[in-house]
């Protein structure tokens, strides 16, 4: 194991269990051992499928709509 990977694992040990599990899933996926890196909730999956459908239908916000959102959150 490289020094850098040892540092990463040492740091990961101090994180909460759920974060350690996320890191483990990413490492295993990177190594080709685990294909399920991201698990969506049913609500997230529905949102994703809706957004994908909008993209396929070329339903994008126009410039005015995007500027309105930016204006709302600019200070």
C-alpha atoms as a PDB file:
ATOM      1  CA  UNK A   1       0.000   0.000   0.000  1.00  0.00           C
ATOM      2  CA  UNK A   2       1.352   3.436  -0.853  1.00  0.00           C
ATOM      3  CA  UNK A   3       1.948   6.086   1.777  1.00  0.00           C
ATOM      4  CA  UNK A   4      -0.781   8.270   0.273  1.00  0.00           C
ATOM      5  CA  UNK A   5      -3.359   5.470   0.407  1.00  0.00           C
ATOM      6  CA  UNK A   6      -2.358   4.743   3.999  1.00  0.00           C
ATOM      7  CA  UNK A   7      -2.936   8.439   4.836  1.00  0.00           C
ATOM      8  CA  UNK A   8      -6.351   8.329   3.174  1.00  0.00           C
ATOM      9  CA  UNK A   9      -7.373   5.188   5.069  1.00  0.00           C
ATOM     10  CA  UNK A  10      -6.122   6.643   8.370  1.00  0.00           C
ATOM     11  CA  UNK A  11      -8.231   9.741   7.762  1.00  0.00           C
ATOM     12  CA  UNK A  12     -11.248   7.654   6.745  1.00  0.00           C
ATOM     13  CA  UNK A  13     -11.109   5.761  10.059  1.00  0.00           C
ATOM     14  CA  UNK A  14     -12.069   8.962  11.903  1.00  0.00           C
ATOM     15  CA  UNK A  15     -15.173   9.548   9.774  1.00  0.00           C
ATOM     16  CA  UNK A  16     -18.692   8.334  10.615  1.00  0.00           C
ATOM     17  CA  UNK A  17     -19.585   4.790   9.552  1.00  0.00           C
ATOM     18  CA  UNK A  18     -21.865   5.897   6.714  1.00  0.00           C
ATOM     19  CA  UNK A  19     -19.029   7.932   5.166  1.00  0.00           C
ATOM     20  CA  UNK A  20     -16.613   5.038   5.576  1.00  0.00           C
ATOM     21  CA  UNK A  21     -19.088   2.831   3.704  1.00  0.00           C
ATOM     22  CA  UNK A  22     -19.334   5.404   0.895  1.00  0.00           C
ATOM     23  CA  UNK A  23     -15.544   5.543   0.603  1.00  0.00           C
ATOM     24  CA  UNK A  24     -15.358   1.747   0.578  1.00  0.00           C
ATOM     25  CA  UNK A  25     -17.937   1.563  -2.218  1.00  0.00           C
ATOM     26  CA  UNK A  26     -15.978   4.066  -4.301  1.00  0.00           C
ATOM     27  CA  UNK A  27     -12.680   2.247  -3.789  1.00  0.00           C
ATOM     28  CA  UNK A  28     -14.253  -1.124  -4.623  1.00  0.00           C
ATOM     29  CA  UNK A  29     -15.935   0.303  -7.719  1.00  0.00           C
ATOM     30  CA  UNK A  30     -12.647   1.849  -8.831  1.00  0.00           C
ATOM     31  CA  UNK A  31     -10.967  -1.544  -8.383  1.00  0.00           C
ATOM     32  CA  UNK A  32     -13.728  -3.228 -10.382  1.00  0.00           C
ATOM     33  CA  UNK A  33     -15.173  -5.116  -7.440  1.00  0.00           C
ATOM     34  CA  UNK A  34     -18.395  -3.198  -6.895  1.00  0.00           C
ATOM     35  CA  UNK A  35     -20.634  -1.677  -9.556  1.00  0.00           C
ATOM     36  CA  UNK A  36     -23.200  -0.056  -7.245  1.00  0.00           C
ATOM     37  CA  UNK A  37     -21.429   3.211  -6.433  1.00  0.00           C
ATOM     38  CA  UNK A  38     -24.501   5.388  -6.203  1.00  0.00           C
ATOM     39  CA  UNK A  39     -27.815   4.223  -4.816  1.00  0.00           C
ATOM     40  CA  UNK A  40     -30.719   6.595  -5.372  1.00  0.00           C
ATOM     41  CA  UNK A  41     -33.774   6.856  -3.183  1.00  0.00           C
ATOM     42  CA  UNK A  42     -37.072   6.293  -5.020  1.00  0.00           C
ATOM     43  CA  UNK A  43     -37.641  10.066  -5.007  1.00  0.00           C
ATOM     44  CA  UNK A  44     -34.165  10.774  -6.410  1.00  0.00           C
ATOM     45  CA  UNK A  45     -34.644   8.159  -9.104  1.00  0.00           C
ATOM     46  CA  UNK A  46     -37.998   9.682 -10.102  1.00  0.00           C
ATOM     47  CA  UNK A  47     -36.401  13.149 -10.284  1.00  0.00           C
ATOM     48  CA  UNK A  48     -33.535  11.760 -12.361  1.00  0.00           C
ATOM     49  CA  UNK A  49     -35.882  10.026 -14.805  1.00  0.00           C
ATOM     50  CA  UNK A  50     -37.989  13.176 -15.124  1.00  0.00           C
ATOM     51  CA  UNK A  51     -34.890  15.292 -15.818  1.00  0.00           C
ATOM     52  CA  UNK A  52     -33.626  12.758 -18.333  1.00  0.00           C
ATOM     53  CA  UNK A  53     -36.951  12.855 -20.151  1.00  0.00           C
ATOM     54  CA  UNK A  54     -36.843  16.652 -20.235  1.00  0.00           C
ATOM     55  CA  UNK A  55     -33.357  16.506 -21.738  1.00  0.00           C
ATOM     56  CA  UNK A  56     -34.435  14.001 -24.374  1.00  0.00           C
ATOM     57  CA  UNK A  57     -37.321  16.308 -25.309  1.00  0.00           C
ATOM     58  CA  UNK A  58     -34.947  19.322 -25.355  1.00  0.00           C
ATOM     59  CA  UNK A  59     -36.951  21.015 -22.609  1.00  0.00           C
ATOM     60  CA  UNK A  60     -34.350  23.411 -21.258  1.00  0.00           C
ATOM     61  CA  UNK A  61     -34.757  26.701 -19.411  1.00  0.00           C
ATOM     62  CA  UNK A  62     -34.324  29.733 -21.612  1.00  0.00           C
ATOM     63  CA  UNK A  63     -31.821  32.484 -20.812  1.00  0.00           C
ATOM     64  CA  UNK A  64     -34.443  34.677 -19.129  1.00  0.00           C
ATOM     65  CA  UNK A  65     -35.458  31.889 -16.742  1.00  0.00           C
ATOM     66  CA  UNK A  66     -31.837  31.164 -15.826  1.00  0.00           C
ATOM     67  CA  UNK A  67     -31.114  34.846 -15.239  1.00  0.00           C
ATOM     68  CA  UNK A  68     -34.218  35.125 -13.023  1.00  0.00           C
ATOM     69  CA  UNK A  69     -32.907  32.333 -10.785  1.00  0.00           C
ATOM     70  CA  UNK A  70     -29.442  33.892 -10.599  1.00  0.00           C
ATOM     71  CA  UNK A  71     -30.930  37.292  -9.797  1.00  0.00           C
ATOM     72  CA  UNK A  72     -32.949  35.789  -6.963  1.00  0.00           C
ATOM     73  CA  UNK A  73     -29.834  34.431  -5.209  1.00  0.00           C
ATOM     74  CA  UNK A  74     -27.324  37.169  -5.994  1.00  0.00           C
ATOM     75  CA  UNK A  75     -26.657  39.550  -3.145  1.00  0.00           C
END
